[in-house]
Amino acid sequence: MVNIFYYIFKTLEYVMTRGVISEKWSMRVLWLCAIGSGITLFMVAQERQLQNRQKMIAEGLLREAELGSDAGEEV
């Protein structure tokens, strides 16, 4: 995640020093897009982590239920 911010910053720094974007508002829009992209990537990562955690919990409960039902039948 940190690497993404580093590359975005370096790209923006390159654009600023080359004078490709000279207007203040254009630069502000670029920064806003870069920050928004970083926030979006963070939110996607958090959502995927939550989904994986819920999946692991569900699989663990299912495994426990199967073990519990098998143990009861053997008696």
N, C-alpha and C. Protein backbone atom coordinates (compact mmCIF):
# COMPACT_ATOMS: atom_id res chain seq x y z
N MET A 1 0.83 -1.19 0.00
CA MET A 1 0.00 0.00 0.00
C MET A 1 0.87 1.25 0.00
N VAL A 2 1.95 1.22 0.77
CA VAL A 2 2.83 2.38 0.85
C VAL A 2 3.51 2.61 -0.49
N ASN A 3 3.83 1.53 -1.19
CA ASN A 3 4.48 1.67 -2.49
C ASN A 3 3.60 2.40 -3.49
N ILE A 4 2.30 2.17 -3.42
CA ILE A 4 1.38 2.84 -4.34
C ILE A 4 1.44 4.34 -4.11
N PHE A 5 1.40 4.75 -2.85
CA PHE A 5 1.47 6.18 -2.55
C PHE A 5 2.80 6.77 -3.00
N TYR A 6 3.86 6.01 -2.86
CA TYR A 6 5.19 6.49 -3.26
C TYR A 6 5.22 6.75 -4.77
N TYR A 7 4.70 5.80 -5.55
CA TYR A 7 4.72 5.97 -7.00
C TYR A 7 3.80 7.09 -7.46
N ILE A 8 2.65 7.24 -6.81
CA ILE A 8 1.75 8.34 -7.15
C ILE A 8 2.43 9.67 -6.84
N PHE A 9 3.08 9.76 -5.68
CA PHE A 9 3.76 10.99 -5.31
C PHE A 9 4.89 11.31 -6.28
N LYS A 10 5.67 10.29 -6.65
CA LYS A 10 6.79 10.51 -7.57
C LYS A 10 6.28 10.95 -8.94
N THR A 11 5.17 10.38 -9.38
CA THR A 11 4.60 10.77 -10.67
C THR A 11 4.14 12.22 -10.62
N LEU A 12 3.45 12.57 -9.55
CA LEU A 12 2.99 13.95 -9.42
C LEU A 12 4.17 14.91 -9.29
N GLU A 13 5.20 14.50 -8.59
CA GLU A 13 6.39 15.33 -8.45
C GLU A 13 7.06 15.55 -9.81
N TYR A 14 7.11 14.49 -10.61
CA TYR A 14 7.69 14.59 -11.95
C TYR A 14 6.88 15.56 -12.81
N VAL A 15 5.58 15.43 -12.75
CA VAL A 15 4.71 16.30 -13.54
C VAL A 15 4.88 17.76 -13.10
N MET A 16 5.00 17.97 -11.79
CA MET A 16 5.15 19.34 -11.29
C MET A 16 6.47 19.95 -11.73
N THR A 17 7.55 19.20 -11.66
CA THR A 17 8.86 19.76 -11.99
C THR A 17 9.02 19.96 -13.49
N ARG A 18 8.31 19.19 -14.30
CA ARG A 18 8.41 19.34 -15.75
C ARG A 18 7.57 20.52 -16.24
N GLY A 19 6.67 20.99 -15.43
CA GLY A 19 5.84 22.12 -15.84
C GLY A 19 4.73 21.72 -16.80
N VAL A 20 4.41 20.43 -16.83
CA VAL A 20 3.36 19.98 -17.73
C VAL A 20 2.02 20.53 -17.27
N ILE A 21 1.82 20.55 -15.98
CA ILE A 21 0.58 21.12 -15.44
C ILE A 21 0.96 22.38 -14.67
N SER A 22 0.60 23.50 -15.20
CA SER A 22 1.02 24.74 -14.57
C SER A 22 -0.08 25.38 -13.73
N GLU A 23 -1.31 25.01 -13.96
CA GLU A 23 -2.41 25.63 -13.23
C GLU A 23 -2.56 25.01 -11.85
N LYS A 24 -2.89 25.86 -10.89
CA LYS A 24 -3.08 25.37 -9.52
C LYS A 24 -4.23 24.37 -9.43
N TRP A 25 -5.32 24.67 -10.09
CA TRP A 25 -6.50 23.83 -9.95
C TRP A 25 -6.28 22.46 -10.56
N SER A 26 -5.53 22.40 -11.64
CA SER A 26 -5.25 21.09 -12.25
C SER A 26 -4.44 20.23 -11.29
N MET A 27 -3.50 20.86 -10.62
CA MET A 27 -2.68 20.12 -9.66
C MET A 27 -3.53 19.66 -8.48
N ARG A 28 -4.43 20.50 -8.05
CA ARG A 28 -5.30 20.13 -6.93
C ARG A 28 -6.19 18.95 -7.31
N VAL A 29 -6.67 18.95 -8.54
CA VAL A 29 -7.50 17.84 -9.01
C VAL A 29 -6.69 16.56 -9.04
N LEU A 30 -5.45 16.64 -9.50
CA LEU A 30 -4.59 15.45 -9.52
C LEU A 30 -4.35 14.92 -8.10
N TRP A 31 -4.09 15.80 -7.16
CA TRP A 31 -3.88 15.38 -5.78
C TRP A 31 -5.14 14.75 -5.22
N LEU A 32 -6.27 15.36 -5.52
CA LEU A 32 -7.54 14.82 -5.04
C LEU A 32 -7.77 13.42 -5.60
N CYS A 33 -7.48 13.23 -6.88
CA CYS A 33 -7.63 11.90 -7.49
C CYS A 33 -6.68 10.89 -6.86
N ALA A 34 -5.44 11.30 -6.62
CA ALA A 34 -4.46 10.39 -6.02
C ALA A 34 -4.88 9.99 -4.61
N ILE A 35 -5.32 10.95 -3.83
CA ILE A 35 -5.76 10.66 -2.46
C ILE A 35 -7.01 9.79 -2.48
N GLY A 36 -7.94 10.10 -3.37
CA GLY A 36 -9.16 9.30 -3.50
C GLY A 36 -8.86 7.87 -3.90
N SER A 37 -7.90 7.70 -4.80
CA SER A 37 -7.52 6.35 -5.22
C SER A 37 -6.91 5.58 -4.05
N GLY A 38 -6.08 6.24 -3.28
CA GLY A 38 -5.48 5.59 -2.12
C GLY A 38 -6.53 5.17 -1.10
N ILE A 39 -7.48 6.04 -0.85
CA ILE A 39 -8.56 5.73 0.10
C ILE A 39 -9.40 4.57 -0.41
N THR A 40 -9.68 4.58 -1.72
CA THR A 40 -10.48 3.51 -2.31
C THR A 40 -9.76 2.17 -2.20
N LEU A 41 -8.47 2.15 -2.50
CA LEU A 41 -7.71 0.91 -2.38
C LEU A 41 -7.70 0.40 -0.94
N PHE A 42 -7.58 1.31 0.01
CA PHE A 42 -7.60 0.92 1.42
C PHE A 42 -8.95 0.31 1.78
N MET A 43 -10.03 0.94 1.33
CA MET A 43 -11.36 0.44 1.65
C MET A 43 -11.61 -0.93 1.03
N VAL A 44 -11.15 -1.13 -0.20
CA VAL A 44 -11.30 -2.44 -0.86
C VAL A 44 -10.52 -3.51 -0.10
N ALA A 45 -9.31 -3.17 0.33
CA ALA A 45 -8.50 -4.13 1.09
C ALA A 45 -9.19 -4.49 2.40
N GLN A 46 -9.76 -3.52 3.08
CA GLN A 46 -10.45 -3.79 4.34
C GLN A 46 -11.67 -4.67 4.11
N GLU A 47 -12.41 -4.42 3.05
CA GLU A 47 -13.60 -5.21 2.74
C GLU A 47 -13.23 -6.65 2.43
N ARG A 48 -12.18 -6.84 1.66
CA ARG A 48 -11.74 -8.20 1.33
C ARG A 48 -11.25 -8.93 2.58
N GLN A 49 -10.56 -8.22 3.45
CA GLN A 49 -10.09 -8.83 4.68
C GLN A 49 -11.27 -9.26 5.55
N LEU A 50 -12.29 -8.43 5.63
CA LEU A 50 -13.49 -8.76 6.40
C LEU A 50 -14.19 -9.98 5.82
N GLN A 51 -14.31 -10.03 4.48
CA GLN A 51 -14.95 -11.17 3.84
C GLN A 51 -14.17 -12.46 4.09
N ASN A 52 -12.85 -12.38 4.00
CA ASN A 52 -12.03 -13.57 4.26
C ASN A 52 -12.17 -14.03 5.70
N ARG A 53 -12.22 -13.08 6.64
CA ARG A 53 -12.37 -13.43 8.05
C ARG A 53 -13.72 -14.13 8.29
N GLN A 54 -14.79 -13.58 7.69
CA GLN A 54 -16.11 -14.18 7.85
C GLN A 54 -16.16 -15.57 7.24
N LYS A 55 -15.50 -15.74 6.10
CA LYS A 55 -15.47 -17.05 5.45
C LYS A 55 -14.74 -18.08 6.31
N MET A 56 -13.62 -17.66 6.91
CA MET A 56 -12.86 -18.58 7.77
C MET A 56 -13.67 -18.96 9.00
N ILE A 57 -14.38 -18.01 9.59
CA ILE A 57 -15.21 -18.30 10.76
C ILE A 57 -16.32 -19.28 10.39
N ALA A 58 -16.97 -19.04 9.23
CA ALA A 58 -18.06 -19.93 8.80
C ALA A 58 -17.53 -21.34 8.54
N GLU A 59 -16.37 -21.45 7.91
CA GLU A 59 -15.80 -22.78 7.65
C GLU A 59 -15.45 -23.47 8.96
N GLY A 60 -14.92 -22.72 9.93
CA GLY A 60 -14.59 -23.30 11.22
C GLY A 60 -15.82 -23.80 11.95
N LEU A 61 -16.91 -23.03 11.93
CA LEU A 61 -18.14 -23.46 12.57
C LEU A 61 -18.73 -24.68 11.89
N LEU A 62 -18.65 -24.70 10.56
CA LEU A 62 -19.15 -25.85 9.82
C LEU A 62 -18.35 -27.10 10.14
N ARG A 63 -17.04 -26.96 10.24
CA ARG A 63 -16.17 -28.09 10.58
C ARG A 63 -16.49 -28.61 11.98
N GLU A 64 -16.71 -27.69 12.93
CA GLU A 64 -17.05 -28.10 14.29
C GLU A 64 -18.39 -28.81 14.33
N ALA A 65 -19.34 -28.33 13.55
CA ALA A 65 -20.66 -28.97 13.52
C ALA A 65 -20.56 -30.37 12.93
N GLU A 66 -19.73 -30.55 11.90
CA GLU A 66 -19.57 -31.87 11.31
C GLU A 66 -18.90 -32.82 12.29
N LEU A 67 -17.89 -32.35 12.99
CA LEU A 67 -17.20 -33.19 13.97
C LEU A 67 -18.13 -33.54 15.12
N GLY A 68 -18.93 -32.60 15.53
CA GLY A 68 -19.86 -32.84 16.62
C GLY A 68 -20.93 -33.85 16.24
N SER A 69 -21.44 -33.78 15.01
CA SER A 69 -22.48 -34.71 14.59
C SER A 69 -21.90 -36.11 14.36
N ASP A 70 -20.66 -36.19 13.88
CA ASP A 70 -20.01 -37.49 13.69
C ASP A 70 -19.76 -38.16 15.03
N ALA A 71 -19.33 -37.40 16.00
CA ALA A 71 -19.03 -37.97 17.33
C ALA A 71 -20.31 -38.51 17.97
N GLY A 72 -21.45 -37.85 17.77
CA GLY A 72 -22.70 -38.29 18.34
C GLY A 72 -23.21 -39.57 17.70
N GLU A 73 -22.96 -39.79 16.43
CA GLU A 73 -23.46 -40.96 15.73
C GLU A 73 -22.68 -42.22 16.10
N GLU A 74 -21.42 -42.05 16.49
CA GLU A 74 -20.59 -43.20 16.79
C GLU A 74 -20.96 -43.86 18.12
N VAL A 75 -21.68 -43.18 18.95
CA VAL A 75 -22.04 -43.72 20.27
C VAL A 75 -23.01 -44.78 20.17
